[in-house]
C-alpha cells in the first residue's frame, strides 16, 4: 500500500487503487489503510473516502489508461 515514486501516476498506482476498492467487497476483507495513507490515491487527487469514491476511481483510472494509450501511439 505504501508504494511511492516521483512523477505522475503509473499502472502500479492504478492496480493498488483497484485492489483496495475490490477488497471493500470481500466478506473477509483484511484491514485496509485509509485512503489518505495510500500515495496512489493522492496521485489521482482522491484524498478522502466518500460515497462517490468508486465513480471517481473509475474516472481517474480511465484517464490514466487514455494517457498511456496516447503515449504508445506516438
C-alpha atoms as a PDB file:
ATOM      1  CA  UNK A   1       0.000   0.000   0.000  1.00  0.00           C
ATOM      2  CA  UNK A   2       2.896   2.370   0.612  1.00  0.00           C
ATOM      3  CA  UNK A   3       4.330   2.215  -2.943  1.00  0.00           C
ATOM      4  CA  UNK A   4       5.532   5.726  -3.731  1.00  0.00           C
ATOM      5  CA  UNK A   5       7.586   7.233  -6.540  1.00  0.00           C
ATOM      6  CA  UNK A   6       8.281  10.605  -8.122  1.00  0.00           C
ATOM      7  CA  UNK A   7       6.251  11.823 -11.068  1.00  0.00           C
ATOM      8  CA  UNK A   8       2.827  11.030 -12.441  1.00  0.00           C
ATOM      9  CA  UNK A   9       0.671   8.021 -11.658  1.00  0.00           C
ATOM     10  CA  UNK A  10       1.635   4.730 -13.236  1.00  0.00           C
ATOM     11  CA  UNK A  11      -0.010   1.341 -13.739  1.00  0.00           C
ATOM     12  CA  UNK A  12       1.039   0.192 -10.271  1.00  0.00           C
ATOM     13  CA  UNK A  13      -0.889   3.101  -8.770  1.00  0.00           C
ATOM     14  CA  UNK A  14      -3.960   2.079 -10.784  1.00  0.00           C
ATOM     15  CA  UNK A  15      -3.628  -1.523  -9.633  1.00  0.00           C
ATOM     16  CA  UNK A  16      -3.241  -0.529  -5.979  1.00  0.00           C
ATOM     17  CA  UNK A  17      -6.366   1.617  -6.092  1.00  0.00           C
ATOM     18  CA  UNK A  18      -8.331  -1.071  -7.939  1.00  0.00           C
ATOM     19  CA  UNK A  19      -7.195  -3.716  -5.443  1.00  0.00           C
ATOM     20  CA  UNK A  20      -8.138  -1.503  -2.486  1.00  0.00           C
ATOM     21  CA  UNK A  21     -11.576  -0.850  -3.970  1.00  0.00           C
ATOM     22  CA  UNK A  22     -12.186  -4.517  -4.862  1.00  0.00           C
ATOM     23  CA  UNK A  23     -11.200  -5.594  -1.356  1.00  0.00           C
ATOM     24  CA  UNK A  24     -14.057  -3.497   0.059  1.00  0.00           C
ATOM     25  CA  UNK A  25     -16.499  -6.057  -1.372  1.00  0.00           C
ATOM     26  CA  UNK A  26     -14.821  -9.077   0.264  1.00  0.00           C
ATOM     27  CA  UNK A  27     -16.708 -10.562   3.191  1.00  0.00           C
ATOM     28  CA  UNK A  28     -13.446 -11.467   4.959  1.00  0.00           C
ATOM     29  CA  UNK A  29     -11.523  -8.372   3.990  1.00  0.00           C
ATOM     30  CA  UNK A  30      -8.342  -7.521   5.830  1.00  0.00           C
ATOM     31  CA  UNK A  31      -7.910  -4.152   7.499  1.00  0.00           C
ATOM     32  CA  UNK A  32      -7.439  -1.613   4.742  1.00  0.00           C
ATOM     33  CA  UNK A  33      -5.438   1.557   5.261  1.00  0.00           C
ATOM     34  CA  UNK A  34      -7.407   4.788   4.911  1.00  0.00           C
ATOM     35  CA  UNK A  35      -7.365   6.496   1.516  1.00  0.00           C
ATOM     36  CA  UNK A  36      -5.285   9.393   2.835  1.00  0.00           C
ATOM     37  CA  UNK A  37      -2.443   6.998   3.780  1.00  0.00           C
ATOM     38  CA  UNK A  38      -2.028   5.487   0.294  1.00  0.00           C
ATOM     39  CA  UNK A  39       0.187   7.545  -2.058  1.00  0.00           C
ATOM     40  CA  UNK A  40      -1.559   6.176  -5.174  1.00  0.00           C
ATOM     41  CA  UNK A  41      -4.816   7.873  -4.178  1.00  0.00           C
ATOM     42  CA  UNK A  42      -3.058  11.236  -3.817  1.00  0.00           C
ATOM     43  CA  UNK A  43      -1.588  10.930  -7.313  1.00  0.00           C
ATOM     44  CA  UNK A  44      -5.119  10.776  -8.707  1.00  0.00           C
ATOM     45  CA  UNK A  45      -6.440  13.546  -6.467  1.00  0.00           C
ATOM     46  CA  UNK A  46      -8.540  11.119  -4.411  1.00  0.00           C
ATOM     47  CA  UNK A  47      -7.942  12.354  -0.886  1.00  0.00           C
ATOM     48  CA  UNK A  48     -10.884  11.054   1.156  1.00  0.00           C
ATOM     49  CA  UNK A  49     -13.262   8.144   1.230  1.00  0.00           C
ATOM     50  CA  UNK A  50     -16.755   9.183   0.162  1.00  0.00           C
ATOM     51  CA  UNK A  51     -19.929   7.739  -1.287  1.00  0.00           C
ATOM     52  CA  UNK A  52     -18.845   8.609  -4.826  1.00  0.00           C
ATOM     53  CA  UNK A  53     -15.286   7.294  -4.437  1.00  0.00           C
ATOM     54  CA  UNK A  54     -15.957   4.299  -6.714  1.00  0.00           C
ATOM     55  CA  UNK A  55     -17.029   6.564  -9.574  1.00  0.00           C
ATOM     56  CA  UNK A  56     -14.063   8.849  -9.010  1.00  0.00           C
ATOM     57  CA  UNK A  57     -11.702   5.842  -9.041  1.00  0.00           C
ATOM     58  CA  UNK A  58     -13.156   4.641 -12.353  1.00  0.00           C
ATOM     59  CA  UNK A  59     -12.806   8.098 -13.898  1.00  0.00           C
ATOM     60  CA  UNK A  60      -9.219   8.514 -12.688  1.00  0.00           C
ATOM     61  CA  UNK A  61      -8.241   5.069 -13.948  1.00  0.00           C
ATOM     62  CA  UNK A  62      -9.832   5.730 -17.321  1.00  0.00           C
ATOM     63  CA  UNK A  63      -7.889   8.980 -17.691  1.00  0.00           C
ATOM     64  CA  UNK A  64      -4.609   7.238 -16.890  1.00  0.00           C
ATOM     65  CA  UNK A  65      -5.258   4.491 -19.426  1.00  0.00           C
ATOM     66  CA  UNK A  66      -6.118   7.072 -22.095  1.00  0.00           C
ATOM     67  CA  UNK A  67      -2.843   8.929 -21.418  1.00  0.00           C
ATOM     68  CA  UNK A  68      -0.875   5.689 -21.680  1.00  0.00           C
ATOM     69  CA  UNK A  69      -2.564   4.771 -24.958  1.00  0.00           C
ATOM     70  CA  UNK A  70      -1.718   8.203 -26.366  1.00  0.00           C
ATOM     71  CA  UNK A  71       1.934   7.734 -25.435  1.00  0.00           C
ATOM     72  CA  UNK A  72       2.022   4.318 -27.087  1.00  0.00           C
ATOM     73  CA  UNK A  73       0.546   5.693 -30.324  1.00  0.00           C
ATOM     74  CA  UNK A  74       3.310   8.278 -30.798  1.00  0.00           C
END
